[in-house]
Structure formats: C-alpha cells, structure tokens
C-alpha atoms as a PDB file:
ATOM      1  CA  MET A   1      97.714  99.956 104.686  1.00  0.00           C
ATOM      2  CA  SER A   2      94.914  97.311 105.158  1.00  0.00           C
ATOM      3  CA  ILE A   3      93.412  96.638 101.634  1.00  0.00           C
ATOM      4  CA  GLU A   4      90.516  94.174 101.548  1.00  0.00           C
ATOM      5  CA  VAL A   5      89.764  92.097  98.564  1.00  0.00           C
ATOM      6  CA  ARG A   6      86.174  90.775  97.991  1.00  0.00           C
ATOM      7  CA  PRO A   7      84.341  89.099  95.081  1.00  0.00           C
ATOM      8  CA  ALA A   8      82.430  91.219  92.620  1.00  0.00           C
ATOM      9  CA  THR A   9      78.880  89.863  93.769  1.00  0.00           C
ATOM     10  CA  LEU A  10      75.575  91.497  92.810  1.00  0.00           C
ATOM     11  CA  GLU A  11      75.423  93.542  95.876  1.00  0.00           C
ATOM     12  CA  ARG A  12      78.673  95.058  94.983  1.00  0.00           C
ATOM     13  CA  PHE A  13      77.699  95.986  91.495  1.00  0.00           C
ATOM     14  CA  GLY A  14      77.819  99.603  92.273  1.00  0.00           C
ATOM     15  CA  ASP A  15      81.453  99.240  93.002  1.00  0.00           C
ATOM     16  CA  VAL A  16      82.072  97.413  89.786  1.00  0.00           C
ATOM     17  CA  ALA A  17      80.247 100.330  87.973  1.00  0.00           C
ATOM     18  CA  THR A  18      82.411 102.763  89.818  1.00  0.00           C
ATOM     19  CA  MET A  19      85.524 100.938  88.633  1.00  0.00           C
ATOM     20  CA  LEU A  20      84.552 100.177  85.239  1.00  0.00           C
ATOM     21  CA  GLY A  21      81.676 102.048  84.005  1.00  0.00           C
ATOM     22  CA  PRO A  22      81.541 105.535  82.445  1.00  0.00           C
ATOM     23  CA  ARG A  23      80.378 108.805  84.067  1.00  0.00           C
ATOM     24  CA  ASN A  24      77.583 109.017  81.355  1.00  0.00           C
ATOM     25  CA  PRO A  25      75.723 105.744  81.632  1.00  0.00           C
ATOM     26  CA  THR A  26      74.960 105.879  77.929  1.00  0.00           C
ATOM     27  CA  SER A  27      78.422 106.013  76.790  1.00  0.00           C
ATOM     28  CA  THR A  28      80.111 102.848  75.498  1.00  0.00           C
ATOM     29  CA  VAL A  29      83.308 101.979  77.241  1.00  0.00           C
ATOM     30  CA  CYS A  30      85.030  98.708  77.841  1.00  0.00           C
ATOM     31  CA  TRP A  31      83.589  97.604  81.122  1.00  0.00           C
ATOM     32  CA  CYS A  32      86.253  94.966  81.079  1.00  0.00           C
ATOM     33  CA  LEU A  33      84.184  92.959  78.393  1.00  0.00           C
ATOM     34  CA  SER A  34      86.700  93.109  75.478  1.00  0.00           C
ATOM     35  CA  HIS A  35      88.557  90.084  76.688  1.00  0.00           C
ATOM     36  CA  ARG A  36      85.502  88.198  78.369  1.00  0.00           C
ATOM     37  CA  VAL A  37      83.003  87.929  75.120  1.00  0.00           C
ATOM     38  CA  ASP A  38      83.669  87.111  71.663  1.00  0.00           C
ATOM     39  CA  SER A  39      84.212  89.886  69.141  1.00  0.00           C
ATOM     40  CA  ARG A  40      80.699  89.761  67.756  1.00  0.00           C
ATOM     41  CA  THR A  41      79.154  90.112  71.240  1.00  0.00           C
ATOM     42  CA  ASN A  42      81.569  92.985  72.172  1.00  0.00           C
ATOM     43  CA  ARG A  43      80.390  95.037  69.228  1.00  0.00           C
ATOM     44  CA  GLU A  44      76.826  94.443  69.632  1.00  0.00           C
ATOM     45  CA  LEU A  45      76.763  95.555  73.202  1.00  0.00           C
ATOM     46  CA  VAL A  46      76.731  99.312  73.465  1.00  0.00           C
ATOM     47  CA  GLY A  47      75.864 102.095  75.962  1.00  0.00           C
ATOM     48  CA  ARG A  48      73.614 100.889  78.791  1.00  0.00           C
ATOM     49  CA  ALA A  49      73.710  97.251  77.500  1.00  0.00           C
ATOM     50  CA  ARG A  50      77.329  96.847  78.461  1.00  0.00           C
ATOM     51  CA  GLY A  51      76.708  97.689  82.406  1.00  0.00           C
ATOM     52  CA  ALA A  52      73.415  95.381  82.130  1.00  0.00           C
ATOM     53  CA  TYR A  53      75.582  92.427  80.775  1.00  0.00           C
ATOM     54  CA  VAL A  54      78.317  92.969  83.681  1.00  0.00           C
ATOM     55  CA  ARG A  55      75.554  93.273  86.117  1.00  0.00           C
ATOM     56  CA  GLU A  56      74.105  89.765  85.106  1.00  0.00           C
ATOM     57  CA  LEU A  57      77.638  88.503  85.477  1.00  0.00           C
ATOM     58  CA  CYS A  58      77.777  89.748  89.009  1.00  0.00           C
ATOM     59  CA  GLY A  59      74.542  87.837  89.804  1.00  0.00           C
ATOM     60  CA  ARG A  60      75.962  84.348  88.763  1.00  0.00           C
ATOM     61  CA  ALA A  61      77.356  81.993  91.090  1.00  0.00           C
ATOM     62  CA  VAL A  62      80.774  82.781  90.162  1.00  0.00           C
ATOM     63  CA  ALA A  63      81.728  86.254  90.399  1.00  0.00           C
ATOM     64  CA  PRO A  64      83.413  87.941  87.345  1.00  0.00           C
ATOM     65  CA  GLY A  65      86.232  89.416  89.301  1.00  0.00           C
ATOM     66  CA  VAL A  66      87.228  90.952  92.821  1.00  0.00           C
ATOM     67  CA  LEU A  67      87.271  94.341  94.186  1.00  0.00           C
ATOM     68  CA  ALA A  68      89.776  95.956  96.436  1.00  0.00           C
ATOM     69  CA  TYR A  69      88.601  98.240  99.238  1.00  0.00           C
ATOM     70  CA  ASP A  70      90.469 100.531 101.388  1.00  0.00           C
ATOM     71  CA  ALA A  71      88.467 101.694 104.620  1.00  0.00           C
ATOM     72  CA  GLY A  72      84.995 100.661 102.751  1.00  0.00           C
ATOM     73  CA  GLU A  73      85.697 102.531  99.611  1.00  0.00           C
ATOM     74  CA  VAL A  74      86.448 100.902  96.405  1.00  0.00           C
ATOM     75  CA  VAL A  75      89.961 101.267  95.052  1.00  0.00           C
ATOM     76  CA  GLY A  76      90.587  98.553  92.398  1.00  0.00           C
ATOM     77  CA  TRP A  77      89.317  95.721  90.280  1.00  0.00           C
ATOM     78  CA  ALA A  78      90.748  92.494  88.765  1.00  0.00           C
ATOM     79  CA  ALA A  79      89.065  90.233  86.341  1.00  0.00           C
ATOM     80  CA  VAL A  80      89.279  86.558  86.892  1.00  0.00           C
ATOM     81  CA  ALA A  81      87.583  83.663  85.287  1.00  0.00           C
ATOM     82  CA  PRO A  82      87.982  80.017  83.879  1.00  0.00           C
ATOM     83  CA  ARG A  83      89.883  80.495  80.572  1.00  0.00           C
ATOM     84  CA  ALA A  84      87.686  78.228  78.877  1.00  0.00           C
ATOM     85  CA  GLU A  85      84.753  80.959  79.169  1.00  0.00           C
ATOM     86  CA  LEU A  86      86.935  83.458  77.608  1.00  0.00           C
ATOM     87  CA  PRO A  87      88.176  84.465  74.216  1.00  0.00           C
ATOM     88  CA  PHE A  88      91.759  83.202  75.640  1.00  0.00           C
ATOM     89  CA  ALA A  89      90.471  79.741  74.857  1.00  0.00           C
ATOM     90  CA  ARG A  90      90.493  80.349  71.387  1.00  0.00           C
ATOM     91  CA  SER A  91      93.577  82.710  71.227  1.00  0.00           C
ATOM     92  CA  ARG A  92      96.163  82.254  68.389  1.00  0.00           C
ATOM     93  CA  LYS A  93      98.556  84.494  70.320  1.00  0.00           C
ATOM     94  CA  ILE A  94      98.104  83.197  74.048  1.00  0.00           C
ATOM     95  CA  PRO A  95      99.371  79.461  74.088  1.00  0.00           C
ATOM     96  CA  HIS A  96      97.881  76.729  76.048  1.00  0.00           C
ATOM     97  CA  VAL A  97     100.485  75.477  78.368  1.00  0.00           C
ATOM     98  CA  ASP A  98      98.469  72.122  78.847  1.00  0.00           C
ATOM     99  CA  ASP A  99      95.155  70.833  79.334  1.00  0.00           C
ATOM    100  CA  LEU A 100      94.356  72.000  82.949  1.00  0.00           C
ATOM    101  CA  PRO A 101      91.189  73.823  83.295  1.00  0.00           C
ATOM    102  CA  VAL A 102      93.027  76.984  84.258  1.00  0.00           C
ATOM    103  CA  TRP A 103      91.602  80.554  85.417  1.00  0.00           C
ATOM    104  CA  SER A 104      92.867  83.551  83.831  1.00  0.00           C
ATOM    105  CA  LEU A 105      93.612  86.750  85.567  1.00  0.00           C
ATOM    106  CA  TRP A 106      93.875  89.509  82.679  1.00  0.00           C
ATOM    107  CA  CYS A 107      92.810  92.828  83.775  1.00  0.00           C
ATOM    108  CA  ILE A 108      93.943  94.777  86.945  1.00  0.00           C
ATOM    109  CA  ARG A 109      92.632  98.548  87.454  1.00  0.00           C
ATOM    110  CA  VAL A 110      93.318 100.899  90.379  1.00  0.00           C
ATOM    111  CA  GLN A 111      91.732 104.083  91.064  1.00  0.00           C
ATOM    112  CA  PRO A 112      93.573 107.351  89.786  1.00  0.00           C
ATOM    113  CA  GLY A 113      95.312 108.825  93.013  1.00  0.00           C
ATOM    114  CA  GLN A 114      95.636 105.240  94.578  1.00  0.00           C
ATOM    115  CA  ARG A 115      98.626 104.069  92.556  1.00  0.00           C
ATOM    116  CA  GLY A 116     101.969 103.083  94.339  1.00  0.00           C
ATOM    117  CA  ARG A 117     100.155 101.808  97.517  1.00  0.00           C
ATOM    118  CA  GLY A 118     100.473  98.044  96.698  1.00  0.00           C
ATOM    119  CA  ILE A 119      96.878  97.892  95.540  1.00  0.00           C
ATOM    120  CA  ALA A 120      97.691  95.699  92.493  1.00  0.00           C
ATOM    121  CA  HIS A 121      99.606  93.482  94.419  1.00  0.00           C
ATOM    122  CA  ALA A 122      96.688  93.070  96.902  1.00  0.00           C
ATOM    123  CA  LEU A 123      94.417  92.445  93.851  1.00  0.00           C
ATOM    124  CA  VAL A 124      96.379  89.765  92.343  1.00  0.00           C
ATOM    125  CA  ASP A 125      96.542  87.923  95.770  1.00  0.00           C
ATOM    126  CA  GLY A 126      92.923  88.428  95.965  1.00  0.00           C
ATOM    127  CA  ALA A 127      92.068  86.935  92.610  1.00  0.00           C
ATOM    128  CA  VAL A 128      94.361  84.027  93.219  1.00  0.00           C
ATOM    129  CA  ALA A 129      92.527  83.370  96.662  1.00  0.00           C
ATOM    130  CA  TYR A 130      89.178  83.460  94.897  1.00  0.00           C
ATOM    131  CA  ALA A 131      90.219  81.112  92.012  1.00  0.00           C
ATOM    132  CA  ARG A 132      91.532  78.703  94.513  1.00  0.00           C
ATOM    133  CA  ALA A 133      88.502  78.798  96.691  1.00  0.00           C
ATOM    134  CA  GLU A 134      86.526  78.025  93.387  1.00  0.00           C
ATOM    135  CA  GLY A 135      88.529  75.007  92.665  1.00  0.00           C
ATOM    136  CA  ALA A 136      90.945  76.265  90.103  1.00  0.00           C
ATOM    137  CA  PRO A 137      93.807  74.002  89.585  1.00  0.00           C
ATOM    138  CA  ALA A 138      96.009  76.769  88.399  1.00  0.00           C
ATOM    139  CA  ILE A 139      95.907  80.359  87.334  1.00  0.00           C
ATOM    140  CA  GLU A 140      97.520  82.286  84.474  1.00  0.00           C
ATOM    141  CA  GLY A 141      98.357  85.842  83.899  1.00  0.00           C
ATOM    142  CA  TYR A 142      99.381  87.553  80.541  1.00  0.00           C
ATOM    143  CA  PRO A 143     101.522  90.550  81.728  1.00  0.00           C
ATOM    144  CA  VAL A 144     104.063  92.666  79.833  1.00  0.00           C
ATOM    145  CA  ASP A 145     107.801  91.759  80.083  1.00  0.00           C
ATOM    146  CA  ASN A 146     108.830  95.452  80.452  1.00  0.00           C
ATOM    147  CA  GLY A 147     112.077  94.963  82.208  1.00  0.00           C
ATOM    148  CA  GLY A 148     111.306  97.488  84.824  1.00  0.00           C
ATOM    149  CA  ARG A 149     110.778 100.172  81.787  1.00  0.00           C
ATOM    150  CA  ARG A 150     107.486 102.558  82.107  1.00  0.00           C
ATOM    151  CA  VAL A 151     104.322 101.195  80.771  1.00  0.00           C
ATOM    152  CA  ASP A 152     101.826 103.538  79.236  1.00  0.00           C
ATOM    153  CA  LEU A 153      98.781 103.733  81.725  1.00  0.00           C
ATOM    154  CA  THR A 154      96.287 102.898  79.237  1.00  0.00           C
ATOM    155  CA  MET A 155      97.944  99.449  78.647  1.00  0.00           C
ATOM    156  CA  ALA A 156      98.930  98.894  82.313  1.00  0.00           C
ATOM    157  CA  TYR A 157      95.878  96.756  82.794  1.00  0.00           C
ATOM    158  CA  VAL A 158      97.572  93.775  81.726  1.00  0.00           C
ATOM    159  CA  GLY A 159     100.158  93.966  84.621  1.00  0.00           C
ATOM    160  CA  THR A 160     103.780  93.440  84.849  1.00  0.00           C
ATOM    161  CA  ARG A 161     105.727  90.256  84.674  1.00  0.00           C
ATOM    162  CA  SER A 162     107.350  91.406  87.910  1.00  0.00           C
ATOM    163  CA  LEU A 163     103.852  92.137  89.567  1.00  0.00           C
ATOM    164  CA  PHE A 164     102.983  88.654  88.821  1.00  0.00           C
ATOM    165  CA  GLU A 165     106.234  87.135  89.827  1.00  0.00           C
ATOM    166  CA  LYS A 166     105.901  88.683  93.278  1.00  0.00           C
ATOM    167  CA  ALA A 167     102.804  86.883  93.786  1.00  0.00           C
ATOM    168  CA  GLY A 168     104.660  83.632  92.925  1.00  0.00           C
ATOM    169  CA  PHE A 169     103.681  83.152  89.273  1.00  0.00           C
ATOM    170  CA  VAL A 170     106.448  82.011  86.861  1.00  0.00           C
ATOM    171  CA  LYS A 171     107.094  82.283  83.420  1.00  0.00           C
ATOM    172  CA  ALA A 172     105.610  79.230  81.506  1.00  0.00           C
ATOM    173  CA  ALA A 173     105.587  80.323  77.880  1.00  0.00           C
ATOM    174  CA  ASP A 174     106.118  83.372  75.454  1.00  0.00           C
ATOM    175  CA  THR A 175     103.092  84.663  73.724  1.00  0.00           C
ATOM    176  CA  GLY A 176     102.640  86.303  70.331  1.00  0.00           C
ATOM    177  CA  ALA A 177     100.926  89.197  71.996  1.00  0.00           C
ATOM    178  CA  VAL A 178     102.262  92.504  72.501  1.00  0.00           C
ATOM    179  CA  SER A 179     100.767  95.512  74.652  1.00  0.00           C
ATOM    180  CA  GLY A 180     101.906  99.287  74.998  1.00  0.00           C
ATOM    181  CA  GLY A 181     105.031  98.087  72.741  1.00  0.00           C
ATOM    182  CA  PHE A 182     106.163  95.071  75.235  1.00  0.00           C
ATOM    183  CA  PRO A 183     105.958  91.543  74.657  1.00  0.00           C
ATOM    184  CA  ARG A 184     103.501  89.652  76.699  1.00  0.00           C
ATOM    185  CA  VAL A 185     104.491  86.425  78.493  1.00  0.00           C
ATOM    186  CA  LEU A 186     102.254  83.887  79.924  1.00  0.00           C
ATOM    187  CA  THR A 187     102.648  83.425  83.636  1.00  0.00           C
ATOM    188  CA  ARG A 188     101.388  80.459  85.666  1.00  0.00           C
ATOM    189  CA  LEU A 189     100.699  79.686  89.566  1.00  0.00           C
ATOM    190  CA  SER A 190      99.723  76.086  90.499  1.00  0.00           C
ATOM    191  CA  LEU A 191      97.034  76.098  93.122  1.00  0.00           C
ATOM    192  CA  GLY A 192      97.363  72.358  93.920  1.00  0.00           C
ATOM    193  CA  GLY A 193      96.702  70.752  90.413  1.00  0.00           C
ATOM    194  CA  GLY A 194     100.539  70.653  89.875  1.00  0.00           C
ATOM    195  CA  SER A 195     101.729  71.208  86.189  1.00  0.00           C
ATOM    196  CA  ALA A 196     103.972  73.246  84.062  1.00  0.00           C
ATOM    197  CA  GLY A 197     104.822  76.520  85.464  1.00  0.00           C
ATOM    198  CA  SER A 198     104.124  75.399  89.083  1.00  0.00           C
ATOM    199  CA  SER A 199     105.405  78.110  91.530  1.00  0.00           C
ATOM    200  CA  PRO A 200     108.356  77.221  93.939  1.00  0.00           C
ATOM    201  CA  HIS A 201     106.397  78.808  96.732  1.00  0.00           C
ATOM    202  CA  ASP A 202     103.618  76.116  96.501  1.00  0.00           C
END
C-alpha cells in the first residue's frame, strides 16, 4: 500500500468536501468545525456557510489539515492546527502540559470501505510531518484510552491511544473528557522543542 498525505490546500478543497461535506450542500454537518471554532460561531455557521468557511481555511498560508490519497483518490482526512487557535486552548477538560506553542491533532477520518488498511496511521504520520514542517515544537492528540475494546465509529474520529503511541506519541496527562464511553488521554510527541511527554523515538 502506498498512501500519500498532502496538505489540505485550496486546490484540494474538492477532496476536503468529499471527506467532510454533506451529499446535500445545503445540509448542516460538522465539516470538522465543532472543535475548530468557538461554540457561538459553530452555531451560527449553517448550511453552505460551513463549507464556505472551510474553503476559506484551505486558502490560508497554513492548511487546516491533511488529506490521504491512494492512487490519486482521496481516502482520509486529519485535522491539525496550532492549539492556540482552537477551543482546546480554553478547554477545562483538556489540560495544558506546559507553555509550549503546541499543535493539536484531533480528528481522523477514513473513507468507509477503506478502513483496516493503515490509512489512519498514515494520516497521523502525515499530520506530524506537516506540523514539524510548519515549525511546531510539539504536537498533541486527545484519543480514547479504550484498552483495545471496540469504539463506536461515530466517536472513533478522536483516535485511539494505541494509534497515537504507534506514531511515537506518549501519554502526557489524563483529561476530563470522555468519548464513546471511554476516557480520553492527552498524548504528546516532541518535534524538537523538547518538553514533557517527549517521545523516546526522538
């Protein structure tokens, strides 16, 4: 399997829409905005406005995430951005390990029918590479600690602890968050900045 991961730039917005958008463009779906914008903005963005907002994000200097491709076909998405720009910066449930300007990786989606092929692993690795290229000193994930038990697919977007640990992340803190009935943990990978939760692979 040869999965390529690329930044979600404006010219790839059609692929972002394939991964995140509704079949009916007037429908209101997440578009991976519920953890990117504040709650008021999230409520105010409805229908086509959500897709338009994401399109604007894709046109910025720093892409809002990365896309996975298999033979030119989009098969996955991962959201990654500086934590300071996200509601996670003010979260009472997700703690701050330190004062590093870390990036967050909080949503991983794989196309139905494509699961079990290692695409999620490629997305995590690609998101890490993108954050590193953009100068992030460290990157965090907030996966469920499910102990190998099945996670409901509707809540699986946060990832599992084992998925992140296989990419070199280590648990840095417990959180007060729960997803799909499982506690979420804060995992951290140092990208050269060095701090709590640095990976032994660095």
